[in-house]
Amino acid sequence: MSADRRGPTPKIGGAATGRPGRPVGSVGVVAKRSFPPVVDHRARVLVLGTLPGEESLRLQQYYAHPRNLFWPILFALFDSAPVADYQAKLAFALAQQLALWDVCMVGEREASADSTIRRETPNAIDRLLDAHPSIGAVAFNGTGARRLYDRHFRRRPHLIYLAMPSTSPAHARLDFAAKLAKWRGLREILDGAGT
């Protein structure tokens, strides 16, 4: 496949649209694109998902599904009241020294099922980590993100890797309290980083 069919590789902080693309292989399966990273100079932990789900793509927002627990967990970790405004959510994540991105820049996926992701092209995570040396940990939002990261990248010996339970509503084996308890490791990393 030529580079122009896949689209240009987004620059860090670039303007990738995240909107569904055209079919790129399997009949009737549409390629989906991730969003640009949410990151600034304060970032200490990079939270990685797999690829935006259908509702996130529709709204052009990270973790937009109303039953996705990412935002409620994030606010609970820092004893803060959740906010509805998306830009305020992003500002809150940045203020907590978090960066957000997805492992996949583009990939085929049926609906929002991580287990069906295939023909993926990874985001430039190595470049993001090189550009933000203050990031000392990577937190995987679910086993799908961890699996895809390990498929495309070598783990860096100086980074801490956290395997968190997926906040997706598709992974309802754990309730909110159980997921929150496991996500507390992210707060512990930040507290240990001198925040």
C-alpha atoms as a PDB file:
ATOM      1  CA  MET A   1       0.000   0.000   0.000  1.00  0.00           C
ATOM      2  CA  SER A   2       1.387   3.385  -0.902  1.00  0.00           C
ATOM      3  CA  ALA A   3       1.944   6.044   1.745  1.00  0.00           C
ATOM      4  CA  ASP A   4      -0.652   8.335   0.179  1.00  0.00           C
ATOM      5  CA  ARG A   5      -3.415   5.725   0.718  1.00  0.00           C
ATOM      6  CA  ARG A   6      -2.643   5.562   4.415  1.00  0.00           C
ATOM      7  CA  GLY A   7      -2.331   9.302   4.735  1.00  0.00           C
ATOM      8  CA  PRO A   8       0.602  11.232   6.092  1.00  0.00           C
ATOM      9  CA  THR A   9       2.263  10.299   9.329  1.00  0.00           C
ATOM     10  CA  PRO A  10       1.065  12.857  11.864  1.00  0.00           C
ATOM     11  CA  LYS A  11       3.635  14.989  13.626  1.00  0.00           C
ATOM     12  CA  ILE A  12       3.671  14.981  17.386  1.00  0.00           C
ATOM     13  CA  GLY A  13       0.874  17.289  18.364  1.00  0.00           C
ATOM     14  CA  GLY A  14      -0.243  17.330  14.716  1.00  0.00           C
ATOM     15  CA  ALA A  15      -3.761  17.603  13.449  1.00  0.00           C
ATOM     16  CA  ALA A  16      -4.766  14.027  12.700  1.00  0.00           C
ATOM     17  CA  THR A  17      -8.517  14.049  12.404  1.00  0.00           C
ATOM     18  CA  GLY A  18      -9.287  10.708  13.962  1.00  0.00           C
ATOM     19  CA  ARG A  19     -12.248  10.420  11.612  1.00  0.00           C
ATOM     20  CA  PRO A  20     -12.914   7.035  10.050  1.00  0.00           C
ATOM     21  CA  GLY A  21     -11.108   6.539   6.776  1.00  0.00           C
ATOM     22  CA  ARG A  22     -11.889   4.423   3.783  1.00  0.00           C
ATOM     23  CA  PRO A  23     -11.620   0.642   3.593  1.00  0.00           C
ATOM     24  CA  VAL A  24      -7.978  -0.486   3.535  1.00  0.00           C
ATOM     25  CA  GLY A  25      -8.112  -4.225   3.227  1.00  0.00           C
ATOM     26  CA  SER A  26     -10.917  -6.343   4.578  1.00  0.00           C
ATOM     27  CA  VAL A  27     -14.165  -5.944   2.700  1.00  0.00           C
ATOM     28  CA  GLY A  28     -16.452  -3.528   4.513  1.00  0.00           C
ATOM     29  CA  VAL A  29     -13.966  -2.787   7.315  1.00  0.00           C
ATOM     30  CA  VAL A  30     -13.066   0.875   7.577  1.00  0.00           C
ATOM     31  CA  ALA A  31      -9.701   2.109   8.809  1.00  0.00           C
ATOM     32  CA  LYS A  32      -9.928   4.227  11.952  1.00  0.00           C
ATOM     33  CA  ARG A  33      -7.460   6.930  12.966  1.00  0.00           C
ATOM     34  CA  SER A  34      -6.358   8.059  16.370  1.00  0.00           C
ATOM     35  CA  PHE A  35      -6.230  11.618  17.647  1.00  0.00           C
ATOM     36  CA  PRO A  36      -3.138  13.743  18.243  1.00  0.00           C
ATOM     37  CA  PRO A  37      -1.485  13.227  21.614  1.00  0.00           C
ATOM     38  CA  VAL A  38      -2.494  15.313  24.598  1.00  0.00           C
ATOM     39  CA  VAL A  39       0.855  16.224  26.142  1.00  0.00           C
ATOM     40  CA  ASP A  40       2.841  19.156  27.454  1.00  0.00           C
ATOM     41  CA  HIS A  41       6.151  19.799  29.222  1.00  0.00           C
ATOM     42  CA  ARG A  42       4.714  18.712  32.614  1.00  0.00           C
ATOM     43  CA  ALA A  43       3.944  15.127  31.540  1.00  0.00           C
ATOM     44  CA  ARG A  44       5.267  12.400  33.844  1.00  0.00           C
ATOM     45  CA  VAL A  45       3.028   9.469  32.799  1.00  0.00           C
ATOM     46  CA  LEU A  46       1.829   8.535  29.323  1.00  0.00           C
ATOM     47  CA  VAL A  47      -1.562   6.769  29.321  1.00  0.00           C
ATOM     48  CA  LEU A  48      -1.981   4.647  26.193  1.00  0.00           C
ATOM     49  CA  GLY A  49      -5.217   3.289  24.794  1.00  0.00           C
ATOM     50  CA  THR A  50      -5.553   1.238  21.619  1.00  0.00           C
ATOM     51  CA  LEU A  51      -7.572   3.238  19.078  1.00  0.00           C
ATOM     52  CA  PRO A  52     -10.597   5.515  19.580  1.00  0.00           C
ATOM     53  CA  GLY A  53     -13.946   3.735  19.777  1.00  0.00           C
ATOM     54  CA  GLU A  54     -16.990   4.615  17.707  1.00  0.00           C
ATOM     55  CA  GLU A  55     -18.379   7.227  20.111  1.00  0.00           C
ATOM     56  CA  SER A  56     -14.966   8.830  20.549  1.00  0.00           C
ATOM     57  CA  LEU A  57     -14.575   9.051  16.781  1.00  0.00           C
ATOM     58  CA  ARG A  58     -18.054  10.526  16.419  1.00  0.00           C
ATOM     59  CA  LEU A  59     -17.432  13.190  19.065  1.00  0.00           C
ATOM     60  CA  GLN A  60     -13.692  13.577  18.363  1.00  0.00           C
ATOM     61  CA  GLN A  61     -12.879  13.092  22.045  1.00  0.00           C
ATOM     62  CA  TYR A  62     -10.752  10.671  24.019  1.00  0.00           C
ATOM     63  CA  TYR A  63     -12.837   8.227  26.088  1.00  0.00           C
ATOM     64  CA  ALA A  64     -16.166   9.725  24.948  1.00  0.00           C
ATOM     65  CA  HIS A  65     -18.452   6.735  25.502  1.00  0.00           C
ATOM     66  CA  PRO A  66     -20.727   7.659  28.433  1.00  0.00           C
ATOM     67  CA  ARG A  67     -20.023   4.329  30.159  1.00  0.00           C
ATOM     68  CA  ASN A  68     -16.245   4.507  29.705  1.00  0.00           C
ATOM     69  CA  LEU A  69     -14.825   4.944  33.191  1.00  0.00           C
ATOM     70  CA  PHE A  70     -11.596   6.720  32.249  1.00  0.00           C
ATOM     71  CA  TRP A  71     -12.681  10.257  33.158  1.00  0.00           C
ATOM     72  CA  PRO A  72     -14.567   9.286  36.352  1.00  0.00           C
ATOM     73  CA  ILE A  73     -11.546   7.253  37.488  1.00  0.00           C
ATOM     74  CA  LEU A  74      -9.125  10.056  36.679  1.00  0.00           C
ATOM     75  CA  PHE A  75     -11.082  12.628  38.669  1.00  0.00           C
ATOM     76  CA  ALA A  76     -11.573  10.182  41.566  1.00  0.00           C
ATOM     77  CA  LEU A  77      -7.833   9.450  41.700  1.00  0.00           C
ATOM     78  CA  PHE A  78      -7.208  13.124  42.440  1.00  0.00           C
ATOM     79  CA  ASP A  79     -10.233  13.635  44.741  1.00  0.00           C
ATOM     80  CA  SER A  80     -11.813  16.050  42.285  1.00  0.00           C
ATOM     81  CA  ALA A  81     -15.359  16.479  41.060  1.00  0.00           C
ATOM     82  CA  PRO A  82     -15.825  15.386  37.443  1.00  0.00           C
ATOM     83  CA  VAL A  83     -16.508  18.040  34.824  1.00  0.00           C
ATOM     84  CA  ALA A  84     -18.555  17.670  31.649  1.00  0.00           C
ATOM     85  CA  ASP A  85     -16.583  20.020  29.389  1.00  0.00           C
ATOM     86  CA  TYR A  86     -14.105  18.087  27.254  1.00  0.00           C
ATOM     87  CA  GLN A  87     -11.468  20.836  27.130  1.00  0.00           C
ATOM     88  CA  ALA A  88     -11.642  21.061  30.934  1.00  0.00           C
ATOM     89  CA  LYS A  89     -11.096  17.296  31.137  1.00  0.00           C
ATOM     90  CA  LEU A  90      -7.995  17.572  28.969  1.00  0.00           C
ATOM     91  CA  ALA A  91      -6.699  20.501  31.027  1.00  0.00           C
ATOM     92  CA  PHE A  92      -7.255  18.469  34.196  1.00  0.00           C
ATOM     93  CA  ALA A  93      -5.284  15.508  32.793  1.00  0.00           C
ATOM     94  CA  LEU A  94      -2.414  17.806  31.811  1.00  0.00           C
ATOM     95  CA  ALA A  95      -2.450  19.493  35.223  1.00  0.00           C
ATOM     96  CA  GLN A  96      -2.042  16.044  36.812  1.00  0.00           C
ATOM     97  CA  GLN A  97       1.084  15.551  34.666  1.00  0.00           C
ATOM     98  CA  LEU A  98      -0.540  13.006  32.381  1.00  0.00           C
ATOM     99  CA  ALA A  99      -0.235  12.606  28.636  1.00  0.00           C
ATOM    100  CA  LEU A 100      -2.838  10.729  26.584  1.00  0.00           C
ATOM    101  CA  TRP A 101      -2.454   8.905  23.297  1.00  0.00           C
ATOM    102  CA  ASP A 102      -3.238   5.637  21.546  1.00  0.00           C
ATOM    103  CA  VAL A 103      -0.847   2.943  20.424  1.00  0.00           C
ATOM    104  CA  CYS A 104      -2.376   2.809  16.946  1.00  0.00           C
ATOM    105  CA  MET A 105      -2.275   5.715  14.535  1.00  0.00           C
ATOM    106  CA  VAL A 106      -4.535   3.852  12.121  1.00  0.00           C
ATOM    107  CA  GLY A 107      -6.000   0.385  12.001  1.00  0.00           C
ATOM    108  CA  GLU A 108      -8.943  -1.698  10.993  1.00  0.00           C
ATOM    109  CA  ARG A 109     -11.413  -2.559  13.721  1.00  0.00           C
ATOM    110  CA  GLU A 110     -14.943  -3.850  13.811  1.00  0.00           C
ATOM    111  CA  ALA A 111     -17.048  -1.407  15.868  1.00  0.00           C
ATOM    112  CA  SER A 112     -15.129  -0.676  19.100  1.00  0.00           C
ATOM    113  CA  ALA A 113     -13.758  -4.172  19.807  1.00  0.00           C
ATOM    114  CA  ASP A 114     -10.029  -4.030  20.620  1.00  0.00           C
ATOM    115  CA  SER A 115      -9.701  -7.757  19.909  1.00  0.00           C
ATOM    116  CA  THR A 116     -10.517  -7.111  16.230  1.00  0.00           C
ATOM    117  CA  ILE A 117      -7.803  -4.482  15.613  1.00  0.00           C
ATOM    118  CA  ARG A 118      -5.631  -5.530  12.689  1.00  0.00           C
ATOM    119  CA  ARG A 119      -3.465  -4.037   9.957  1.00  0.00           C
ATOM    120  CA  GLU A 120      -2.526  -1.332  12.397  1.00  0.00           C
ATOM    121  CA  THR A 121       0.185   1.258  12.042  1.00  0.00           C
ATOM    122  CA  PRO A 122       1.524   2.518  15.363  1.00  0.00           C
ATOM    123  CA  ASN A 123       1.744   6.120  16.438  1.00  0.00           C
ATOM    124  CA  ALA A 124       5.210   7.645  16.826  1.00  0.00           C
ATOM    125  CA  ILE A 125       5.368   6.840  20.527  1.00  0.00           C
ATOM    126  CA  ASP A 126       9.162   6.587  20.533  1.00  0.00           C
ATOM    127  CA  ARG A 127       9.383  10.138  19.169  1.00  0.00           C
ATOM    128  CA  LEU A 128       6.921  11.401  21.780  1.00  0.00           C
ATOM    129  CA  LEU A 129       8.935   9.780  24.579  1.00  0.00           C
ATOM    130  CA  ASP A 130      12.176  11.210  23.186  1.00  0.00           C
ATOM    131  CA  ALA A 131      10.600  14.681  22.943  1.00  0.00           C
ATOM    132  CA  HIS A 132       9.299  14.475  26.542  1.00  0.00           C
ATOM    133  CA  PRO A 133      12.090  12.941  28.665  1.00  0.00           C
ATOM    134  CA  SER A 134      10.208  13.832  31.861  1.00  0.00           C
ATOM    135  CA  ILE A 135       7.818  10.950  31.122  1.00  0.00           C
ATOM    136  CA  GLY A 136       8.955   8.186  33.435  1.00  0.00           C
ATOM    137  CA  ALA A 137       6.055   5.756  33.139  1.00  0.00           C
ATOM    138  CA  VAL A 138       3.648   4.348  30.593  1.00  0.00           C
ATOM    139  CA  ALA A 139       0.214   3.192  31.753  1.00  0.00           C
ATOM    140  CA  PHE A 140      -1.667   0.835  29.467  1.00  0.00           C
ATOM    141  CA  ASN A 141      -5.437   1.283  29.497  1.00  0.00           C
ATOM    142  CA  GLY A 142      -6.203  -2.422  29.117  1.00  0.00           C
ATOM    143  CA  THR A 143      -4.408  -5.499  27.845  1.00  0.00           C
ATOM    144  CA  GLY A 144      -5.105  -4.575  24.219  1.00  0.00           C
ATOM    145  CA  ALA A 145      -2.966  -1.451  24.520  1.00  0.00           C
ATOM    146  CA  ARG A 146      -0.182  -3.408  26.210  1.00  0.00           C
ATOM    147  CA  ARG A 147      -0.283  -6.147  23.563  1.00  0.00           C
ATOM    148  CA  LEU A 148      -0.173  -3.677  20.664  1.00  0.00           C
ATOM    149  CA  TYR A 149       2.613  -1.635  22.275  1.00  0.00           C
ATOM    150  CA  ASP A 150       4.722  -4.759  22.791  1.00  0.00           C
ATOM    151  CA  ARG A 151       4.093  -5.781  19.176  1.00  0.00           C
ATOM    152  CA  HIS A 152       5.501  -2.520  17.817  1.00  0.00           C
ATOM    153  CA  PHE A 153       7.928  -1.154  20.434  1.00  0.00           C
ATOM    154  CA  ARG A 154      10.717  -2.300  22.693  1.00  0.00           C
ATOM    155  CA  ARG A 155      10.249  -1.486  26.331  1.00  0.00           C
ATOM    156  CA  ARG A 156      12.671   1.091  27.604  1.00  0.00           C
ATOM    157  CA  PRO A 157      14.578  -0.049  30.684  1.00  0.00           C
ATOM    158  CA  HIS A 158      14.347   3.343  32.421  1.00  0.00           C
ATOM    159  CA  LEU A 159      10.534   3.523  32.157  1.00  0.00           C
ATOM    160  CA  ILE A 160       7.983   2.014  34.520  1.00  0.00           C
ATOM    161  CA  TYR A 161       5.157   0.161  32.748  1.00  0.00           C
ATOM    162  CA  LEU A 162       1.759  -0.119  34.403  1.00  0.00           C
ATOM    163  CA  ALA A 163      -0.856  -2.629  33.219  1.00  0.00           C
ATOM    164  CA  MET A 164      -4.203  -1.095  34.138  1.00  0.00           C
ATOM    165  CA  PRO A 165      -7.619  -2.652  33.619  1.00  0.00           C
ATOM    166  CA  SER A 166      -9.460  -1.290  30.616  1.00  0.00           C
ATOM    167  CA  THR A 167     -11.886   1.519  31.384  1.00  0.00           C
ATOM    168  CA  SER A 168     -13.999   0.518  28.383  1.00  0.00           C
ATOM    169  CA  PRO A 169     -17.617  -0.520  28.989  1.00  0.00           C
ATOM    170  CA  ALA A 170     -16.810  -3.678  26.997  1.00  0.00           C
ATOM    171  CA  HIS A 171     -14.676  -4.797  29.957  1.00  0.00           C
ATOM    172  CA  ALA A 172     -17.277  -4.920  32.701  1.00  0.00           C
ATOM    173  CA  ARG A 173     -15.788  -7.816  34.664  1.00  0.00           C
ATOM    174  CA  LEU A 174     -14.556  -5.271  37.218  1.00  0.00           C
ATOM    175  CA  ASP A 175     -16.826  -2.589  38.639  1.00  0.00           C
ATOM    176  CA  PHE A 176     -15.865   1.047  39.171  1.00  0.00           C
ATOM    177  CA  ALA A 177     -14.445   0.512  42.682  1.00  0.00           C
ATOM    178  CA  ALA A 178     -12.282  -2.418  41.577  1.00  0.00           C
ATOM    179  CA  LYS A 179     -10.953  -0.544  38.547  1.00  0.00           C
ATOM    180  CA  LEU A 180     -10.285   2.566  40.627  1.00  0.00           C
ATOM    181  CA  ALA A 181      -8.313   0.500  43.154  1.00  0.00           C
ATOM    182  CA  LYS A 182      -6.087  -0.856  40.387  1.00  0.00           C
ATOM    183  CA  TRP A 183      -5.658   2.555  38.743  1.00  0.00           C
ATOM    184  CA  ARG A 184      -4.345   3.953  42.055  1.00  0.00           C
ATOM    185  CA  GLY A 185      -0.923   2.736  40.922  1.00  0.00           C
ATOM    186  CA  LEU A 186      -0.873   5.641  38.483  1.00  0.00           C
ATOM    187  CA  ARG A 187      -1.362   8.120  41.324  1.00  0.00           C
ATOM    188  CA  GLU A 188       1.349   6.394  43.344  1.00  0.00           C
ATOM    189  CA  ILE A 189       3.802   6.818  40.467  1.00  0.00           C
ATOM    190  CA  LEU A 190       2.968  10.532  40.237  1.00  0.00           C
ATOM    191  CA  ASP A 191       3.223  11.010  44.008  1.00  0.00           C
ATOM    192  CA  GLY A 192       6.613   9.265  43.951  1.00  0.00           C
ATOM    193  CA  ALA A 193       7.800  11.593  41.163  1.00  0.00           C
ATOM    194  CA  GLY A 194       7.792  14.558  43.524  1.00  0.00           C
ATOM    195  CA  THR A 195       4.472  16.062  42.502  1.00  0.00           C
END
